[in-house]
Amino acid sequence: DVRRRIDDYREVFRRIAGVPKPTICAINGYAFGGGLELAMACDLRVV
């Protein structure tokens, strides 16, 4: 189940990175582990 979930993460973050319009992550609080990986899938980050 864990292996499958990580594959899900990877696919979803790839989908976020590949959306054909700009994405900005507004990091309003802690971003650790997968949270920071999610933020890095965006084009720009404001923290």
ModelCIF file with pLDDT and N, C-alpha, C, O atoms, coordinates in Angstrom:
data_MODEL
#
_entry.id   MODEL 
#
_entity.id                         1 
_entity.type                       polymer 
_entity.pdbx_number_of_molecules   1 
#
_entity_poly.entity_id                      1 
_entity_poly.type                           'polypeptide(L)' 
_entity_poly.nstd_linkage                   no 
_entity_poly.nstd_monomer                   no 
_entity_poly.pdbx_seq_one_letter_code       DVRRRIDDYREVFRRIAGVPKPTICAINGYAFGGGLELAMACDLRVV 
_entity_poly.pdbx_seq_one_letter_code_can   DVRRRIDDYREVFRRIAGVPKPTICAINGYAFGGGLELAMACDLRVV 
_entity_poly.pdbx_strand_id                 A 
#
loop_
_entity_poly_seq.entity_id 
_entity_poly_seq.num 
_entity_poly_seq.mon_id 
_entity_poly_seq.hetero 
1 1  ASP n 
1 2  VAL n 
1 3  ARG n 
1 4  ARG n 
1 5  ARG n 
1 6  ILE n 
1 7  ASP n 
1 8  ASP n 
1 9  TYR n 
1 10 ARG n 
1 11 GLU n 
1 12 VAL n 
1 13 PHE n 
1 14 ARG n 
1 15 ARG n 
1 16 ILE n 
1 17 ALA n 
1 18 GLY n 
1 19 VAL n 
1 20 PRO n 
1 21 LYS n 
1 22 PRO n 
1 23 THR n 
1 24 ILE n 
1 25 CYS n 
1 26 ALA n 
1 27 ILE n 
1 28 ASN n 
1 29 GLY n 
1 30 TYR n 
1 31 ALA n 
1 32 PHE n 
1 33 GLY n 
1 34 GLY n 
1 35 GLY n 
1 36 LEU n 
1 37 GLU n 
1 38 LEU n 
1 39 ALA n 
1 40 MET n 
1 41 ALA n 
1 42 CYS n 
1 43 ASP n 
1 44 LEU n 
1 45 ARG n 
1 46 VAL n 
1 47 VAL n 
#
_struct_asym.id          A 
_struct_asym.entity_id   1 
#
loop_
_ma_qa_metric.id 
_ma_qa_metric.mode 
_ma_qa_metric.name 
_ma_qa_metric.software_group_id 
_ma_qa_metric.type 
1 global pLDDT . pLDDT 
2 local  pLDDT . pLDDT 
#
_ma_qa_metric_global.metric_id      1 
_ma_qa_metric_global.metric_value   93.79 
_ma_qa_metric_global.model_id       1 
_ma_qa_metric_global.ordinal_id     1 
#
loop_
_ma_qa_metric_local.label_asym_id 
_ma_qa_metric_local.label_comp_id 
_ma_qa_metric_local.label_seq_id 
_ma_qa_metric_local.metric_id 
_ma_qa_metric_local.metric_value 
_ma_qa_metric_local.model_id 
_ma_qa_metric_local.ordinal_id 
A ASP 1  2 82.00 1 1  
A VAL 2  2 82.00 1 2  
A ARG 3  2 85.00 1 3  
A ARG 4  2 86.00 1 4  
A ARG 5  2 84.00 1 5  
A ILE 6  2 82.00 1 6  
A ASP 7  2 87.00 1 7  
A ASP 8  2 89.00 1 8  
A TYR 9  2 88.00 1 9  
A ARG 10 2 91.00 1 10 
A GLU 11 2 92.00 1 11 
A VAL 12 2 94.00 1 12 
A PHE 13 2 95.00 1 13 
A ARG 14 2 94.00 1 14 
A ARG 15 2 95.00 1 15 
A ILE 16 2 96.00 1 16 
A ALA 17 2 95.00 1 17 
A GLY 18 2 94.00 1 18 
A VAL 19 2 95.00 1 19 
A PRO 20 2 95.00 1 20 
A LYS 21 2 94.00 1 21 
A PRO 22 2 96.00 1 22 
A THR 23 2 98.00 1 23 
A ILE 24 2 98.00 1 24 
A CYS 25 2 98.00 1 25 
A ALA 26 2 98.00 1 26 
A ILE 27 2 98.00 1 27 
A ASN 28 2 96.00 1 28 
A GLY 29 2 95.00 1 29 
A TYR 30 2 96.00 1 30 
A ALA 31 2 96.00 1 31 
A PHE 32 2 96.00 1 32 
A GLY 33 2 94.00 1 33 
A GLY 34 2 93.00 1 34 
A GLY 35 2 95.00 1 35 
A LEU 36 2 97.00 1 36 
A GLU 37 2 96.00 1 37 
A LEU 38 2 97.00 1 38 
A ALA 39 2 97.00 1 39 
A MET 40 2 97.00 1 40 
A ALA 41 2 97.00 1 41 
A CYS 42 2 97.00 1 42 
A ASP 43 2 97.00 1 43 
A LEU 44 2 98.00 1 44 
A ARG 45 2 98.00 1 45 
A VAL 46 2 98.00 1 46 
A VAL 47 2 97.00 1 47 
#
loop_
_atom_site.group_PDB 
_atom_site.id 
_atom_site.type_symbol 
_atom_site.label_atom_id 
_atom_site.label_alt_id 
_atom_site.label_comp_id 
_atom_site.label_asym_id 
_atom_site.label_entity_id 
_atom_site.label_seq_id 
_atom_site.pdbx_PDB_ins_code 
_atom_site.Cartn_x 
_atom_site.Cartn_y 
_atom_site.Cartn_z 
_atom_site.occupancy 
_atom_site.B_iso_or_equiv 
_atom_site.pdbx_formal_charge 
_atom_site.auth_seq_id 
_atom_site.auth_comp_id 
_atom_site.auth_asym_id 
_atom_site.auth_atom_id 
_atom_site.pdbx_PDB_model_num 
ATOM 1   N N  . ASP A 1 1  ? 0.833  -1.202 0.000   1.00 82.00 ? 1  ASP A N  1 
ATOM 2   C CA . ASP A 1 1  ? 0.000  0.000  0.000   1.00 82.00 ? 1  ASP A CA 1 
ATOM 3   C C  . ASP A 1 1  ? 0.870  1.255  0.000   1.00 82.00 ? 1  ASP A C  1 
ATOM 4   O O  . ASP A 1 1  ? 0.559  2.231  -0.683  1.00 82.00 ? 1  ASP A O  1 
ATOM 5   N N  . VAL A 1 2  ? 1.958  1.227  0.767   1.00 82.00 ? 2  VAL A N  1 
ATOM 6   C CA . VAL A 1 2  ? 2.862  2.379  0.833   1.00 82.00 ? 2  VAL A CA 1 
ATOM 7   C C  . VAL A 1 2  ? 3.511  2.607  -0.533  1.00 82.00 ? 2  VAL A C  1 
ATOM 8   O O  . VAL A 1 2  ? 3.594  3.743  -1.000  1.00 82.00 ? 2  VAL A O  1 
ATOM 9   N N  . ARG A 1 3  ? 3.965  1.537  -1.167  1.00 85.00 ? 3  ARG A N  1 
ATOM 10  C CA . ARG A 1 3  ? 4.575  1.685  -2.494  1.00 85.00 ? 3  ARG A CA 1 
ATOM 11  C C  . ARG A 1 3  ? 3.586  2.286  -3.486  1.00 85.00 ? 3  ARG A C  1 
ATOM 12  O O  . ARG A 1 3  ? 3.941  3.150  -4.289  1.00 85.00 ? 3  ARG A O  1 
ATOM 13  N N  . ARG A 1 4  ? 2.366  1.827  -3.422  1.00 86.00 ? 4  ARG A N  1 
ATOM 14  C CA . ARG A 1 4  ? 1.342  2.354  -4.324  1.00 86.00 ? 4  ARG A CA 1 
ATOM 15  C C  . ARG A 1 4  ? 1.067  3.829  -4.035  1.00 86.00 ? 4  ARG A C  1 
ATOM 16  O O  . ARG A 1 4  ? 0.899  4.624  -4.959  1.00 86.00 ? 4  ARG A O  1 
ATOM 17  N N  . ARG A 1 5  ? 1.021  4.193  -2.754  1.00 84.00 ? 5  ARG A N  1 
ATOM 18  C CA . ARG A 1 5  ? 0.743  5.582  -2.399  1.00 84.00 ? 5  ARG A CA 1 
ATOM 19  C C  . ARG A 1 5  ? 1.860  6.498  -2.891  1.00 84.00 ? 5  ARG A C  1 
ATOM 20  O O  . ARG A 1 5  ? 1.586  7.593  -3.383  1.00 84.00 ? 5  ARG A O  1 
ATOM 21  N N  . ILE A 1 6  ? 3.120  6.064  -2.765  1.00 82.00 ? 6  ILE A N  1 
ATOM 22  C CA . ILE A 1 6  ? 4.219  6.887  -3.255  1.00 82.00 ? 6  ILE A CA 1 
ATOM 23  C C  . ILE A 1 6  ? 4.122  7.054  -4.766  1.00 82.00 ? 6  ILE A C  1 
ATOM 24  O O  . ILE A 1 6  ? 4.401  8.133  -5.288  1.00 82.00 ? 6  ILE A O  1 
ATOM 25  N N  . ASP A 1 7  ? 3.732  6.005  -5.469  1.00 87.00 ? 7  ASP A N  1 
ATOM 26  C CA . ASP A 1 7  ? 3.516  6.134  -6.913  1.00 87.00 ? 7  ASP A CA 1 
ATOM 27  C C  . ASP A 1 7  ? 2.404  7.139  -7.202  1.00 87.00 ? 7  ASP A C  1 
ATOM 28  O O  . ASP A 1 7  ? 2.487  7.904  -8.162  1.00 87.00 ? 7  ASP A O  1 
ATOM 29  N N  . ASP A 1 8  ? 1.361  7.136  -6.367  1.00 89.00 ? 8  ASP A N  1 
ATOM 30  C CA . ASP A 1 8  ? 0.274  8.105  -6.526  1.00 89.00 ? 8  ASP A CA 1 
ATOM 31  C C  . ASP A 1 8  ? 0.796  9.530  -6.330  1.00 89.00 ? 8  ASP A C  1 
ATOM 32  O O  . ASP A 1 8  ? 0.485  10.427 -7.113  1.00 89.00 ? 8  ASP A O  1 
ATOM 33  N N  . TYR A 1 9  ? 1.593  9.727  -5.275  1.00 88.00 ? 9  TYR A N  1 
ATOM 34  C CA . TYR A 1 9  ? 2.200  11.039 -5.044  1.00 88.00 ? 9  TYR A CA 1 
ATOM 35  C C  . TYR A 1 9  ? 2.936  11.501 -6.297  1.00 88.00 ? 9  TYR A C  1 
ATOM 36  O O  . TYR A 1 9  ? 2.736  12.609 -6.795  1.00 88.00 ? 9  TYR A O  1 
ATOM 37  N N  . ARG A 1 10 ? 3.799  10.605 -6.790  1.00 91.00 ? 10 ARG A N  1 
ATOM 38  C CA . ARG A 1 10 ? 4.670  10.961 -7.906  1.00 91.00 ? 10 ARG A CA 1 
ATOM 39  C C  . ARG A 1 10 ? 3.849  11.352 -9.135  1.00 91.00 ? 10 ARG A C  1 
ATOM 40  O O  . ARG A 1 10 ? 4.178  12.312 -9.831  1.00 91.00 ? 10 ARG A O  1 
ATOM 41  N N  . GLU A 1 11 ? 2.785  10.604 -9.392  1.00 92.00 ? 11 GLU A N  1 
ATOM 42  C CA . GLU A 1 11 ? 1.949  10.888 -10.553 1.00 92.00 ? 11 GLU A CA 1 
ATOM 43  C C  . GLU A 1 11 ? 1.185  12.200 -10.382 1.00 92.00 ? 11 GLU A C  1 
ATOM 44  O O  . GLU A 1 11 ? 1.079  12.989 -11.322 1.00 92.00 ? 11 GLU A O  1 
ATOM 45  N N  . VAL A 1 12 ? 0.659  12.428 -9.194  1.00 94.00 ? 12 VAL A N  1 
ATOM 46  C CA . VAL A 1 12 ? -0.088 13.668 -8.947  1.00 94.00 ? 12 VAL A CA 1 
ATOM 47  C C  . VAL A 1 12 ? 0.833  14.878 -9.027  1.00 94.00 ? 12 VAL A C  1 
ATOM 48  O O  . VAL A 1 12 ? 0.458  15.896 -9.610  1.00 94.00 ? 12 VAL A O  1 
ATOM 49  N N  . PHE A 1 13 ? 2.026  14.788 -8.455  1.00 95.00 ? 13 PHE A N  1 
ATOM 50  C CA . PHE A 1 13 ? 2.954  15.915 -8.509  1.00 95.00 ? 13 PHE A CA 1 
ATOM 51  C C  . PHE A 1 13 ? 3.402  16.162 -9.943  1.00 95.00 ? 13 PHE A C  1 
ATOM 52  O O  . PHE A 1 13 ? 3.615  17.309 -10.337 1.00 95.00 ? 13 PHE A O  1 
ATOM 53  N N  . ARG A 1 14 ? 3.545  15.101 -10.723 1.00 94.00 ? 14 ARG A N  1 
ATOM 54  C CA . ARG A 1 14 ? 3.872  15.262 -12.135 1.00 94.00 ? 14 ARG A CA 1 
ATOM 55  C C  . ARG A 1 14 ? 2.724  15.988 -12.861 1.00 94.00 ? 14 ARG A C  1 
ATOM 56  O O  . ARG A 1 14 ? 2.955  16.815 -13.744 1.00 94.00 ? 14 ARG A O  1 
ATOM 57  N N  . ARG A 1 15 ? 1.511  15.665 -12.475 1.00 95.00 ? 15 ARG A N  1 
ATOM 58  C CA . ARG A 1 15 ? 0.349  16.328 -13.088 1.00 95.00 ? 15 ARG A CA 1 
ATOM 59  C C  . ARG A 1 15 ? 0.321  17.813 -12.727 1.00 95.00 ? 15 ARG A C  1 
ATOM 60  O O  . ARG A 1 15 ? -0.005 18.653 -13.566 1.00 95.00 ? 15 ARG A O  1 
ATOM 61  N N  . ILE A 1 16 ? 0.662  18.134 -11.484 1.00 96.00 ? 16 ILE A N  1 
ATOM 62  C CA . ILE A 1 16 ? 0.718  19.535 -11.061 1.00 96.00 ? 16 ILE A CA 1 
ATOM 63  C C  . ILE A 1 16 ? 1.809  20.275 -11.824 1.00 96.00 ? 16 ILE A C  1 
ATOM 64  O O  . ILE A 1 16 ? 1.592  21.380 -12.321 1.00 96.00 ? 16 ILE A O  1 
ATOM 65  N N  . ALA A 1 17 ? 2.989  19.652 -11.911 1.00 95.00 ? 17 ALA A N  1 
ATOM 66  C CA . ALA A 1 17 ? 4.100  20.289 -12.621 1.00 95.00 ? 17 ALA A CA 1 
ATOM 67  C C  . ALA A 1 17 ? 3.778  20.488 -14.099 1.00 95.00 ? 17 ALA A C  1 
ATOM 68  O O  . ALA A 1 17 ? 4.248  21.446 -14.713 1.00 95.00 ? 17 ALA A O  1 
ATOM 69  N N  . GLY A 1 18 ? 2.985  19.598 -14.669 1.00 94.00 ? 18 GLY A N  1 
ATOM 70  C CA . GLY A 1 18 ? 2.731  19.643 -16.101 1.00 94.00 ? 18 GLY A CA 1 
ATOM 71  C C  . GLY A 1 18 ? 1.503  20.420 -16.521 1.00 94.00 ? 18 GLY A C  1 
ATOM 72  O O  . GLY A 1 18 ? 1.222  20.514 -17.716 1.00 94.00 ? 18 GLY A O  1 
ATOM 73  N N  . VAL A 1 19 ? 0.756  20.986 -15.571 1.00 95.00 ? 19 VAL A N  1 
ATOM 74  C CA . VAL A 1 19 ? -0.419 21.751 -15.972 1.00 95.00 ? 19 VAL A CA 1 
ATOM 75  C C  . VAL A 1 19 ? 0.037  22.954 -16.807 1.00 95.00 ? 19 VAL A C  1 
ATOM 76  O O  . VAL A 1 19 ? 0.961  23.657 -16.397 1.00 95.00 ? 19 VAL A O  1 
ATOM 77  N N  . PRO A 1 20 ? -0.584 23.211 -17.966 1.00 95.00 ? 20 PRO A N  1 
ATOM 78  C CA . PRO A 1 20 ? -0.037 24.208 -18.904 1.00 95.00 ? 20 PRO A CA 1 
ATOM 79  C C  . PRO A 1 20 ? -0.386 25.653 -18.571 1.00 95.00 ? 20 PRO A C  1 
ATOM 80  O O  . PRO A 1 20 ? -0.786 26.422 -19.446 1.00 95.00 ? 20 PRO A O  1 
ATOM 81  N N  . LYS A 1 21 ? -0.236 26.009 -17.326 1.00 94.00 ? 21 LYS A N  1 
ATOM 82  C CA . LYS A 1 21 ? -0.444 27.390 -16.870 1.00 94.00 ? 21 LYS A CA 1 
ATOM 83  C C  . LYS A 1 21 ? 0.391  27.585 -15.619 1.00 94.00 ? 21 LYS A C  1 
ATOM 84  O O  . LYS A 1 21 ? 0.698  26.607 -14.937 1.00 94.00 ? 21 LYS A O  1 
ATOM 85  N N  . PRO A 1 22 ? 0.765  28.798 -15.298 1.00 96.00 ? 22 PRO A N  1 
ATOM 86  C CA . PRO A 1 22 ? 1.652  29.016 -14.155 1.00 96.00 ? 22 PRO A CA 1 
ATOM 87  C C  . PRO A 1 22 ? 1.023  28.584 -12.831 1.00 96.00 ? 22 PRO A C  1 
ATOM 88  O O  . PRO A 1 22 ? -0.173 28.765 -12.604 1.00 96.00 ? 22 PRO A O  1 
ATOM 89  N N  . THR A 1 23 ? 1.854  28.010 -11.967 1.00 98.00 ? 23 THR A N  1 
ATOM 90  C CA . THR A 1 23 ? 1.416  27.621 -10.631 1.00 98.00 ? 23 THR A CA 1 
ATOM 91  C C  . THR A 1 23 ? 2.335  28.278 -9.602  1.00 98.00 ? 23 THR A C  1 
ATOM 92  O O  . THR A 1 23 ? 3.557  28.285 -9.756  1.00 98.00 ? 23 THR A O  1 
ATOM 93  N N  . ILE A 1 24 ? 1.735  28.822 -8.568  1.00 98.00 ? 24 ILE A N  1 
ATOM 94  C CA . ILE A 1 24 ? 2.462  29.492 -7.497  1.00 98.00 ? 24 ILE A CA 1 
ATOM 95  C C  . ILE A 1 24 ? 2.080  28.833 -6.185  1.00 98.00 ? 24 ILE A C  1 
ATOM 96  O O  . ILE A 1 24 ? 0.895  28.731 -5.865  1.00 98.00 ? 24 ILE A O  1 
ATOM 97  N N  . CYS A 1 25 ? 3.062  28.387 -5.426  1.00 98.00 ? 25 CYS A N  1 
ATOM 98  C CA . CYS A 1 25 ? 2.780  27.808 -4.119  1.00 98.00 ? 25 CYS A CA 1 
ATOM 99  C C  . CYS A 1 25 ? 3.033  28.864 -3.052  1.00 98.00 ? 25 CYS A C  1 
ATOM 100 O O  . CYS A 1 25 ? 4.139  29.391 -2.940  1.00 98.00 ? 25 CYS A O  1 
ATOM 101 N N  . ALA A 1 26 ? 2.012  29.166 -2.276  1.00 98.00 ? 26 ALA A N  1 
ATOM 102 C CA . ALA A 1 26 ? 2.135  30.091 -1.147  1.00 98.00 ? 26 ALA A CA 1 
ATOM 103 C C  . ALA A 1 26 ? 2.307  29.254 0.114   1.00 98.00 ? 26 ALA A C  1 
ATOM 104 O O  . ALA A 1 26 ? 1.333  28.745 0.670   1.00 98.00 ? 26 ALA A O  1 
ATOM 105 N N  . ILE A 1 27 ? 3.553  29.115 0.560   1.00 98.00 ? 27 ILE A N  1 
ATOM 106 C CA . ILE A 1 27 ? 3.879  28.233 1.689   1.00 98.00 ? 27 ILE A CA 1 
ATOM 107 C C  . ILE A 1 27 ? 3.651  29.014 2.974   1.00 98.00 ? 27 ILE A C  1 
ATOM 108 O O  . ILE A 1 27 ? 4.527  29.744 3.440   1.00 98.00 ? 27 ILE A O  1 
ATOM 109 N N  . ASN A 1 28 ? 2.471  28.850 3.534   1.00 96.00 ? 28 ASN A N  1 
ATOM 110 C CA . ASN A 1 28 ? 2.036  29.667 4.661   1.00 96.00 ? 28 ASN A CA 1 
ATOM 111 C C  . ASN A 1 28 ? 2.463  29.113 6.014   1.00 96.00 ? 28 ASN A C  1 
ATOM 112 O O  . ASN A 1 28 ? 2.317  29.789 7.033   1.00 96.00 ? 28 ASN A O  1 
ATOM 113 N N  . GLY A 1 29 ? 2.993  27.884 6.035   1.00 95.00 ? 29 GLY A N  1 
ATOM 114 C CA . GLY A 1 29 ? 3.420  27.258 7.276   1.00 95.00 ? 29 GLY A CA 1 
ATOM 115 C C  . GLY A 1 29 ? 4.352  26.111 6.960   1.00 95.00 ? 29 GLY A C  1 
ATOM 116 O O  . GLY A 1 29 ? 4.892  26.026 5.857   1.00 95.00 ? 29 GLY A O  1 
ATOM 117 N N  . TYR A 1 30 ? 4.541  25.231 7.922   1.00 96.00 ? 30 TYR A N  1 
ATOM 118 C CA . TYR A 1 30 ? 5.484  24.140 7.757   1.00 96.00 ? 30 TYR A CA 1 
ATOM 119 C C  . TYR A 1 30 ? 5.247  23.385 6.446   1.00 96.00 ? 30 TYR A C  1 
ATOM 120 O O  . TYR A 1 30 ? 4.110  23.103 6.068   1.00 96.00 ? 30 TYR A O  1 
ATOM 121 N N  . ALA A 1 31 ? 6.355  23.068 5.764   1.00 96.00 ? 31 ALA A N  1 
ATOM 122 C CA . ALA A 1 31 ? 6.316  22.239 4.554   1.00 96.00 ? 31 ALA A CA 1 
ATOM 123 C C  . ALA A 1 31 ? 7.447  21.238 4.678   1.00 96.00 ? 31 ALA A C  1 
ATOM 124 O O  . ALA A 1 31 ? 8.602  21.548 4.388   1.00 96.00 ? 31 ALA A O  1 
ATOM 125 N N  . PHE A 1 32 ? 7.103  20.032 5.112   1.00 96.00 ? 32 PHE A N  1 
ATOM 126 C CA . PHE A 1 32 ? 8.110  19.000 5.334   1.00 96.00 ? 32 PHE A CA 1 
ATOM 127 C C  . PHE A 1 32 ? 7.825  17.795 4.447   1.00 96.00 ? 32 PHE A C  1 
ATOM 128 O O  . PHE A 1 32 ? 6.674  17.525 4.104   1.00 96.00 ? 32 PHE A O  1 
ATOM 129 N N  . GLY A 1 33 ? 8.875  17.077 4.081   1.00 94.00 ? 33 GLY A N  1 
ATOM 130 C CA . GLY A 1 33 ? 8.710  15.841 3.341   1.00 94.00 ? 33 GLY A CA 1 
ATOM 131 C C  . GLY A 1 33 ? 7.878  16.034 2.086   1.00 94.00 ? 33 GLY A C  1 
ATOM 132 O O  . GLY A 1 33 ? 8.181  16.877 1.241   1.00 94.00 ? 33 GLY A O  1 
ATOM 133 N N  . GLY A 1 34 ? 6.821  15.234 1.981   1.00 93.00 ? 34 GLY A N  1 
ATOM 134 C CA . GLY A 1 34 ? 5.947  15.324 0.816   1.00 93.00 ? 34 GLY A CA 1 
ATOM 135 C C  . GLY A 1 34 ? 5.305  16.680 0.633   1.00 93.00 ? 34 GLY A C  1 
ATOM 136 O O  . GLY A 1 34 ? 4.930  17.045 -0.481  1.00 93.00 ? 34 GLY A O  1 
ATOM 137 N N  . GLY A 1 35 ? 5.173  17.438 1.723   1.00 95.00 ? 35 GLY A N  1 
ATOM 138 C CA . GLY A 1 35 ? 4.630  18.786 1.595   1.00 95.00 ? 35 GLY A CA 1 
ATOM 139 C C  . GLY A 1 35 ? 5.550  19.691 0.812   1.00 95.00 ? 35 GLY A C  1 
ATOM 140 O O  . GLY A 1 35 ? 5.095  20.482 -0.015  1.00 95.00 ? 35 GLY A O  1 
ATOM 141 N N  . LEU A 1 36 ? 6.860  19.582 1.070   1.00 97.00 ? 36 LEU A N  1 
ATOM 142 C CA . LEU A 1 36 ? 7.815  20.380 0.306   1.00 97.00 ? 36 LEU A CA 1 
ATOM 143 C C  . LEU A 1 36 ? 7.933  19.840 -1.121  1.00 97.00 ? 36 LEU A C  1 
ATOM 144 O O  . LEU A 1 36 ? 8.101  20.620 -2.059  1.00 97.00 ? 36 LEU A O  1 
ATOM 145 N N  . GLU A 1 37 ? 7.848  18.535 -1.296  1.00 96.00 ? 37 GLU A N  1 
ATOM 146 C CA . GLU A 1 37 ? 7.856  17.975 -2.646  1.00 96.00 ? 37 GLU A CA 1 
ATOM 147 C C  . GLU A 1 37 ? 6.667  18.489 -3.451  1.00 96.00 ? 37 GLU A C  1 
ATOM 148 O O  . GLU A 1 37 ? 6.793  18.771 -4.643  1.00 96.00 ? 37 GLU A O  1 
ATOM 149 N N  . LEU A 1 38 ? 5.527  18.609 -2.806  1.00 97.00 ? 38 LEU A N  1 
ATOM 150 C CA . LEU A 1 38 ? 4.352  19.188 -3.462  1.00 97.00 ? 38 LEU A CA 1 
ATOM 151 C C  . LEU A 1 38 ? 4.629  20.626 -3.864  1.00 97.00 ? 38 LEU A C  1 
ATOM 152 O O  . LEU A 1 38 ? 4.318  21.025 -4.986  1.00 97.00 ? 38 LEU A O  1 
ATOM 153 N N  . ALA A 1 39 ? 5.206  21.405 -2.969  1.00 97.00 ? 39 ALA A N  1 
ATOM 154 C CA . ALA A 1 39 ? 5.516  22.805 -3.277  1.00 97.00 ? 39 ALA A CA 1 
ATOM 155 C C  . ALA A 1 39 ? 6.501  22.913 -4.431  1.00 97.00 ? 39 ALA A C  1 
ATOM 156 O O  . ALA A 1 39 ? 6.377  23.803 -5.272  1.00 97.00 ? 39 ALA A O  1 
ATOM 157 N N  . MET A 1 40 ? 7.482  22.009 -4.479  1.00 97.00 ? 40 MET A N  1 
ATOM 158 C CA . MET A 1 40 ? 8.487  22.069 -5.533  1.00 97.00 ? 40 MET A CA 1 
ATOM 159 C C  . MET A 1 40 ? 7.931  21.663 -6.888  1.00 97.00 ? 40 MET A C  1 
ATOM 160 O O  . MET A 1 40 ? 8.553  21.940 -7.914  1.00 97.00 ? 40 MET A O  1 
ATOM 161 N N  . ALA A 1 41 ? 6.767  21.010 -6.914  1.00 97.00 ? 41 ALA A N  1 
ATOM 162 C CA . ALA A 1 41 ? 6.135  20.678 -8.185  1.00 97.00 ? 41 ALA A CA 1 
ATOM 163 C C  . ALA A 1 41 ? 5.510  21.911 -8.845  1.00 97.00 ? 41 ALA A C  1 
ATOM 164 O O  . ALA A 1 41 ? 5.183  21.883 -10.031 1.00 97.00 ? 41 ALA A O  1 
ATOM 165 N N  . CYS A 1 42 ? 5.347  22.985 -8.081  1.00 97.00 ? 42 CYS A N  1 
ATOM 166 C CA . CYS A 1 42 ? 4.816  24.226 -8.629  1.00 97.00 ? 42 CYS A CA 1 
ATOM 167 C C  . CYS A 1 42 ? 5.932  25.018 -9.312  1.00 97.00 ? 42 CYS A C  1 
ATOM 168 O O  . CYS A 1 42 ? 7.114  24.771 -9.073  1.00 97.00 ? 42 CYS A O  1 
ATOM 169 N N  . ASP A 1 43 ? 5.549  25.962 -10.155 1.00 97.00 ? 43 ASP A N  1 
ATOM 170 C CA . ASP A 1 43 ? 6.537  26.751 -10.895 1.00 97.00 ? 43 ASP A CA 1 
ATOM 171 C C  . ASP A 1 43 ? 7.288  27.728 -9.999  1.00 97.00 ? 43 ASP A C  1 
ATOM 172 O O  . ASP A 1 43 ? 8.504  27.880 -10.121 1.00 97.00 ? 43 ASP A O  1 
ATOM 173 N N  . LEU A 1 44 ? 6.569  28.386 -9.103  1.00 98.00 ? 44 LEU A N  1 
ATOM 174 C CA . LEU A 1 44 ? 7.156  29.394 -8.225  1.00 98.00 ? 44 LEU A CA 1 
ATOM 175 C C  . LEU A 1 44 ? 6.710  29.125 -6.799  1.00 98.00 ? 44 LEU A C  1 
ATOM 176 O O  . LEU A 1 44 ? 5.673  28.504 -6.562  1.00 98.00 ? 44 LEU A O  1 
ATOM 177 N N  . ARG A 1 45 ? 7.506  29.602 -5.857  1.00 98.00 ? 45 ARG A N  1 
ATOM 178 C CA . ARG A 1 45 ? 7.171  29.453 -4.446  1.00 98.00 ? 45 ARG A CA 1 
ATOM 179 C C  . ARG A 1 45 ? 7.383  30.770 -3.714  1.00 98.00 ? 45 ARG A C  1 
ATOM 180 O O  . ARG A 1 45 ? 8.413  31.426 -3.874  1.00 98.00 ? 45 ARG A O  1 
ATOM 181 N N  . VAL A 1 46 ? 6.397  31.145 -2.910  1.00 98.00 ? 46 VAL A N  1 
ATOM 182 C CA . VAL A 1 46 ? 6.521  32.262 -1.984  1.00 98.00 ? 46 VAL A CA 1 
ATOM 183 C C  . VAL A 1 46 ? 6.346  31.669 -0.588  1.00 98.00 ? 46 VAL A C  1 
ATOM 184 O O  . VAL A 1 46 ? 5.369  30.966 -0.332  1.00 98.00 ? 46 VAL A O  1 
ATOM 185 N N  . VAL A 1 47 ? 7.282  31.946 0.311   1.00 97.00 ? 47 VAL A N  1 
ATOM 186 C CA . VAL A 1 47 ? 7.259  31.304 1.621   1.00 97.00 ? 47 VAL A CA 1 
ATOM 187 C C  . VAL A 1 47 ? 7.173  32.351 2.722   1.00 97.00 ? 47 VAL A C  1 
ATOM 188 O O  . VAL A 1 47 ? 7.142  32.004 3.902   1.00 97.00 ? 47 VAL A O  1 
#
